[in-house]
Each structure stands twice: as C-alpha cells, then as structure tokens.
Amino acid sequence: MDTLCKAERLYKRTLIEKLFSRGSYAFTVFPLRVIYTSVDELDVNAILISVSKRRFKRAVKRNRVKRQIREAYRRNKSLLKTDGEKHWLVAFVYLSDELLPSYVIDNAVCTALQRVV
C-alpha cells in the first residue's frame, strides 16, 4: 500500500509562493481548480489542498473534502510520472459549494493529473 508521506505534502512557504507565482499553469476540472508548476529542487511530487472557509463554515465538512482529495491523489499519483529530474508542485482548490461523492472527486483528480503530465 502506497501512502502519502510528509515529503509529498507542500508546506514550505517559498515553494507555495513559487507555485502561486506568475510562471504557474492553471485549469479547472469541476469541482477542482488545479494550479501546477515544475520544480527541480524536490525529490518527489508535492501537493497542496485548499478548501475555502467561505464555502464550508464547519471544519468537519472542510476536512472531509480534504480527505477525499488526498485519498484520490494517493490512489492515482502513479499517473504523475516523472523523468527523474523534473517534479511537480500541484495545488487542488475545491470550488463546489456542496459535498460531493468520492467517485466524482476521484474522477476529477484522475483527469487533472493526466492533464498536468
């Protein structure tokens, strides 16, 4: 079983700023907005997940959506193959105002990872 380790989570401020800077690419696969860029200084691909407090006031619902996205990424991260020197920083921003079933989010993440590569 392949897990999502800490190295695969994007938490460094400098890398997050690099991801959201001008050189990044973005597209939408409902219910997700995907922002990505390539980076050389990491050993693995890293992801960031954002669910707005404006869309879901309760932390329980925000955490549920984040859990669904993390699990979908964990299952499909093999689609984000690297050639050894180039790795990806990917941010998933949840856009929908309602909770969706896991298979919808799974399909969106799968489509998004295929488009990133």
Protein backbone atom coordinates (compact mmCIF):
# COMPACT_ATOMS: atom_id res chain seq x y z
CA MET A 1 0.00 0.00 0.00
CA ASP A 2 1.38 3.33 -1.05
CA THR A 3 0.93 6.14 1.46
CA LEU A 4 1.09 9.91 1.23
CA CYS A 5 4.20 10.85 3.19
CA LYS A 6 5.17 14.27 4.54
CA ALA A 7 7.63 14.88 1.68
CA GLU A 8 4.68 14.73 -0.73
CA ARG A 9 2.78 17.47 1.14
CA LEU A 10 3.53 21.04 0.17
CA TYR A 11 4.13 23.08 3.32
CA LYS A 12 7.19 25.30 2.72
CA ARG A 13 6.27 28.95 2.23
CA THR A 14 8.87 29.52 -0.51
CA LEU A 15 7.57 26.62 -2.59
CA ILE A 16 3.95 27.70 -2.09
CA GLU A 17 4.84 31.22 -3.25
CA LYS A 18 6.61 29.74 -6.26
CA LEU A 19 3.52 27.66 -7.07
CA PHE A 20 1.16 30.65 -6.97
CA SER A 21 3.51 32.98 -8.85
CA ARG A 22 3.29 34.05 -12.49
CA GLY A 23 5.10 31.05 -14.01
CA SER A 24 2.43 28.57 -12.96
CA TYR A 25 -0.29 26.99 -15.07
CA ALA A 26 -3.91 26.50 -14.07
CA PHE A 27 -7.07 24.83 -15.30
CA THR A 28 -10.42 23.72 -13.92
CA VAL A 29 -11.84 20.21 -13.71
CA PHE A 30 -15.06 20.64 -11.76
CA PRO A 31 -15.13 20.59 -8.70
CA LEU A 32 -11.38 21.37 -8.60
CA ARG A 33 -9.16 24.19 -9.76
CA VAL A 34 -5.67 22.84 -10.38
CA ILE A 35 -2.57 25.03 -10.25
CA TYR A 36 0.76 23.44 -11.09
CA THR A 37 4.38 24.14 -11.93
CA SER A 38 7.52 22.09 -12.33
CA VAL A 39 10.38 22.33 -9.87
CA ASP A 40 13.90 20.90 -9.73
CA GLU A 41 14.77 21.21 -6.04
CA LEU A 42 12.42 18.47 -4.76
CA ASP A 43 12.87 14.70 -4.79
CA VAL A 44 9.16 13.89 -5.12
CA ASN A 45 5.95 15.47 -6.39
CA ALA A 46 4.21 17.61 -3.78
CA ILE A 47 0.56 18.61 -3.40
CA LEU A 48 -1.40 21.27 -1.56
CA ILE A 49 -5.14 21.04 -0.88
CA SER A 50 -7.31 24.07 -0.18
CA VAL A 51 -10.98 24.19 0.80
CA SER A 52 -12.40 27.63 1.44
CA LYS A 53 -13.96 28.54 4.77
CA ARG A 54 -16.39 30.69 2.82
CA ARG A 55 -17.81 27.59 1.08
CA PHE A 56 -17.95 25.35 4.18
CA LYS A 57 -18.25 27.05 7.56
CA ARG A 58 -17.86 23.80 9.52
CA ALA A 59 -14.36 22.34 9.79
CA VAL A 60 -15.83 18.82 9.70
CA LYS A 61 -17.02 19.34 6.13
CA ARG A 62 -13.78 21.03 5.03
CA ASN A 63 -11.75 18.17 6.47
CA ARG A 64 -13.97 15.60 4.75
CA VAL A 65 -13.37 17.20 1.36
CA LYS A 66 -9.62 17.38 2.00
CA ARG A 67 -9.61 13.71 2.99
CA GLN A 68 -11.44 12.78 -0.22
CA ILE A 69 -8.97 14.71 -2.38
CA ARG A 70 -5.95 13.24 -0.55
CA GLU A 71 -7.25 9.71 -0.99
CA ALA A 72 -8.00 10.29 -4.68
CA TYR A 73 -4.47 11.64 -5.20
CA ARG A 74 -2.92 8.76 -3.26
CA ARG A 75 -4.70 6.24 -5.49
CA ASN A 76 -3.83 8.00 -8.75
CA LYS A 77 -0.41 9.53 -8.08
CA SER A 78 1.24 6.98 -10.37
CA LEU A 79 -0.26 8.99 -13.28
CA LEU A 80 2.09 11.85 -12.33
CA LYS A 81 5.19 10.07 -13.57
CA THR A 82 8.48 11.93 -13.53
CA ASP A 83 11.54 11.54 -15.71
CA GLY A 84 13.88 11.76 -12.72
CA GLU A 85 14.89 15.42 -12.65
CA LYS A 86 11.59 17.26 -13.04
CA HIS A 87 8.97 17.08 -10.29
CA TRP A 88 5.62 18.79 -9.92
CA LEU A 89 4.06 21.11 -7.36
CA VAL A 90 0.29 20.76 -7.62
CA ALA A 91 -2.43 22.66 -5.74
CA PHE A 92 -6.03 21.44 -5.66
CA VAL A 93 -8.55 24.17 -4.79
CA TYR A 94 -12.10 22.93 -4.16
CA LEU A 95 -14.73 25.04 -5.97
CA SER A 96 -18.11 23.46 -5.26
CA ASP A 97 -20.49 24.70 -2.55
CA GLU A 98 -21.75 21.23 -1.71
CA LEU A 99 -20.27 17.93 -0.61
CA LEU A 100 -19.82 15.51 -3.50
CA PRO A 101 -19.42 11.72 -3.53
CA SER A 102 -15.88 10.37 -3.52
CA TYR A 103 -16.09 8.91 -7.03
CA VAL A 104 -16.74 12.38 -8.53
CA ILE A 105 -13.66 13.80 -6.81
CA ASP A 106 -11.66 10.70 -7.76
CA ASN A 107 -12.53 11.17 -11.45
CA ALA A 108 -11.67 14.88 -11.29
CA VAL A 109 -8.28 14.22 -9.67
CA CYS A 110 -7.51 11.47 -12.20
CA THR A 111 -8.36 13.77 -15.12
CA ALA A 112 -6.36 16.61 -13.58
CA LEU A 113 -3.22 14.50 -13.11
CA GLN A 114 -3.42 13.30 -16.70
CA ARG A 115 -3.65 16.92 -17.91
CA VAL A 116 -0.70 18.02 -15.77
CA VAL A 117 1.54 15.46 -17.43
